[in-house]
Amino acid sequence: MRTPWGKLGLAAVILFAPGGFILGATLAANHYRKRATAGRDDLPESPPSEPPEPPVA
């Protein structure tokens, strides 16, 4: 099993460094913001003001 040294180091900084709680809160906020907007990339920004015209037969 591979030890995740990067995650362990980050956890140590967040827990033991002065002001680490600010870093942790910032990282958590960015994580959840990205997660919340991940599925919204394909949505239109605003609904169309007029309905689309039917195809001409």
N, C-alpha and C. Protein backbone atom coordinates (compact mmCIF):
# COMPACT_ATOMS: atom_id res chain seq x y z
N MET A 1 0.84 -1.19 0.00
CA MET A 1 0.00 0.00 0.00
C MET A 1 0.88 1.24 0.00
N ARG A 2 0.55 2.18 -0.84
CA ARG A 2 1.35 3.39 -0.98
C ARG A 2 0.88 4.45 0.03
N THR A 3 1.84 5.05 0.70
CA THR A 3 1.51 6.07 1.70
C THR A 3 1.31 7.41 1.00
N PRO A 4 0.16 8.06 1.20
CA PRO A 4 -0.10 9.37 0.56
C PRO A 4 0.59 10.50 1.32
N TRP A 5 1.90 10.67 1.08
CA TRP A 5 2.68 11.65 1.83
C TRP A 5 2.18 13.07 1.62
N GLY A 6 1.70 13.38 0.44
CA GLY A 6 1.21 14.72 0.16
C GLY A 6 0.00 15.06 1.02
N LYS A 7 -0.92 14.11 1.12
CA LYS A 7 -2.11 14.35 1.93
C LYS A 7 -1.76 14.40 3.42
N LEU A 8 -0.81 13.57 3.84
CA LEU A 8 -0.39 13.60 5.25
C LEU A 8 0.29 14.93 5.58
N GLY A 9 1.12 15.42 4.67
CA GLY A 9 1.79 16.71 4.89
C GLY A 9 0.80 17.85 4.93
N LEU A 10 -0.19 17.81 4.04
CA LEU A 10 -1.21 18.85 4.04
C LEU A 10 -2.02 18.82 5.33
N ALA A 11 -2.38 17.64 5.79
CA ALA A 11 -3.12 17.52 7.04
C ALA A 11 -2.29 18.04 8.21
N ALA A 12 -0.99 17.77 8.21
CA ALA A 12 -0.12 18.26 9.28
C ALA A 12 -0.06 19.78 9.28
N VAL A 13 0.03 20.38 8.10
CA VAL A 13 0.08 21.84 8.02
C VAL A 13 -1.23 22.43 8.54
N ILE A 14 -2.35 21.84 8.12
CA ILE A 14 -3.66 22.36 8.53
C ILE A 14 -3.84 22.24 10.05
N LEU A 15 -3.39 21.12 10.62
CA LEU A 15 -3.61 20.90 12.04
C LEU A 15 -2.61 21.62 12.95
N PHE A 16 -1.35 21.72 12.52
CA PHE A 16 -0.31 22.19 13.43
C PHE A 16 0.24 23.58 13.15
N ALA A 17 0.11 24.07 11.93
CA ALA A 17 0.68 25.38 11.61
C ALA A 17 -0.26 26.49 12.07
N PRO A 18 0.30 27.61 12.54
CA PRO A 18 -0.57 28.73 12.89
C PRO A 18 -1.30 29.22 11.63
N GLY A 19 -2.57 29.41 11.75
CA GLY A 19 -3.37 29.83 10.61
C GLY A 19 -3.72 28.70 9.67
N GLY A 20 -3.39 27.48 10.05
CA GLY A 20 -3.68 26.34 9.19
C GLY A 20 -5.17 26.11 9.01
N PHE A 21 -5.95 26.50 10.00
CA PHE A 21 -7.40 26.34 9.87
C PHE A 21 -7.95 27.21 8.74
N ILE A 22 -7.30 28.35 8.48
CA ILE A 22 -7.73 29.21 7.37
C ILE A 22 -7.43 28.51 6.04
N LEU A 23 -6.25 27.90 5.95
CA LEU A 23 -5.89 27.15 4.75
C LEU A 23 -6.86 25.99 4.54
N GLY A 24 -7.17 25.28 5.61
CA GLY A 24 -8.09 24.15 5.50
C GLY A 24 -9.48 24.59 5.07
N ALA A 25 -9.96 25.68 5.61
CA ALA A 25 -11.28 26.19 5.24
C ALA A 25 -11.30 26.64 3.78
N THR A 26 -10.21 27.25 3.33
CA THR A 26 -10.13 27.69 1.94
C THR A 26 -10.12 26.50 0.99
N LEU A 27 -9.32 25.49 1.32
CA LEU A 27 -9.27 24.29 0.47
C LEU A 27 -10.61 23.57 0.43
N ALA A 28 -11.27 23.48 1.58
CA ALA A 28 -12.58 22.82 1.62
C ALA A 28 -13.61 23.60 0.82
N ALA A 29 -13.60 24.92 0.93
CA ALA A 29 -14.55 25.74 0.18
C ALA A 29 -14.33 25.59 -1.32
N ASN A 30 -13.08 25.59 -1.76
CA ASN A 30 -12.79 25.41 -3.18
C ASN A 30 -13.23 24.03 -3.67
N HIS A 31 -13.00 23.01 -2.85
CA HIS A 31 -13.40 21.65 -3.21
C HIS A 31 -14.91 21.55 -3.41
N TYR A 32 -15.66 22.05 -2.46
CA TYR A 32 -17.12 21.95 -2.56
C TYR A 32 -17.69 22.88 -3.62
N ARG A 33 -17.04 24.01 -3.89
CA ARG A 33 -17.50 24.89 -4.96
C ARG A 33 -17.32 24.22 -6.31
N LYS A 34 -16.17 23.58 -6.53
CA LYS A 34 -15.93 22.87 -7.78
C LYS A 34 -16.90 21.71 -7.93
N ARG A 35 -17.15 21.02 -6.83
CA ARG A 35 -18.05 19.86 -6.87
C ARG A 35 -19.48 20.29 -7.18
N ALA A 36 -19.90 21.44 -6.68
CA ALA A 36 -21.26 21.92 -6.90
C ALA A 36 -21.46 22.38 -8.34
N THR A 37 -20.43 22.92 -8.96
CA THR A 37 -20.57 23.43 -10.32
C THR A 37 -20.11 22.44 -11.38
N ALA A 38 -19.67 21.25 -10.99
CA ALA A 38 -19.14 20.29 -11.96
C ALA A 38 -20.20 19.84 -12.95
N GLY A 39 -21.42 19.61 -12.52
CA GLY A 39 -22.46 19.13 -13.41
C GLY A 39 -23.22 20.23 -14.11
N ARG A 40 -22.88 21.46 -13.89
CA ARG A 40 -23.63 22.58 -14.45
C ARG A 40 -22.97 23.20 -15.67
N ASP A 41 -21.91 22.60 -16.18
CA ASP A 41 -21.21 23.18 -17.33
C ASP A 41 -22.04 23.16 -18.60
N ASP A 42 -22.91 22.16 -18.74
CA ASP A 42 -23.65 22.02 -19.98
C ASP A 42 -25.00 22.74 -19.96
N LEU A 43 -25.37 23.36 -18.88
CA LEU A 43 -26.63 24.07 -18.80
C LEU A 43 -26.52 25.44 -19.46
N PRO A 44 -27.58 25.90 -20.13
CA PRO A 44 -27.52 27.24 -20.71
C PRO A 44 -27.53 28.29 -19.60
N GLU A 45 -26.92 29.42 -19.89
CA GLU A 45 -26.82 30.47 -18.88
C GLU A 45 -28.17 31.10 -18.59
N SER A 46 -29.00 31.27 -19.61
CA SER A 46 -30.33 31.82 -19.40
C SER A 46 -31.27 31.13 -20.39
N PRO A 47 -32.51 30.97 -20.01
CA PRO A 47 -33.44 30.32 -20.93
C PRO A 47 -33.70 31.20 -22.15
N PRO A 48 -33.98 30.61 -23.29
CA PRO A 48 -34.24 31.43 -24.47
C PRO A 48 -35.50 32.25 -24.29
N SER A 49 -35.50 33.46 -24.82
CA SER A 49 -36.64 34.36 -24.63
C SER A 49 -37.82 33.97 -25.51
N GLU A 50 -37.55 33.33 -26.65
CA GLU A 50 -38.62 32.90 -27.55
C GLU A 50 -38.49 31.40 -27.78
N PRO A 51 -39.61 30.72 -27.96
CA PRO A 51 -39.50 29.28 -28.25
C PRO A 51 -38.91 29.06 -29.64
N PRO A 52 -38.24 27.96 -29.83
CA PRO A 52 -37.64 27.71 -31.15
C PRO A 52 -38.74 27.50 -32.20
N GLU A 53 -38.43 27.90 -33.42
CA GLU A 53 -39.40 27.75 -34.51
C GLU A 53 -39.47 26.29 -34.93
N PRO A 54 -40.67 25.82 -35.30
CA PRO A 54 -40.77 24.43 -35.74
C PRO A 54 -40.10 24.27 -37.09
N PRO A 55 -39.57 23.07 -37.36
CA PRO A 55 -38.88 22.85 -38.64
C PRO A 55 -39.87 22.95 -39.81
N VAL A 56 -39.37 23.45 -40.93
CA VAL A 56 -40.19 23.59 -42.14
C VAL A 56 -40.21 22.25 -42.86
N ALA A 57 -41.42 21.78 -43.17
CA ALA A 57 -41.54 20.47 -43.82
C ALA A 57 -41.55 20.58 -45.33
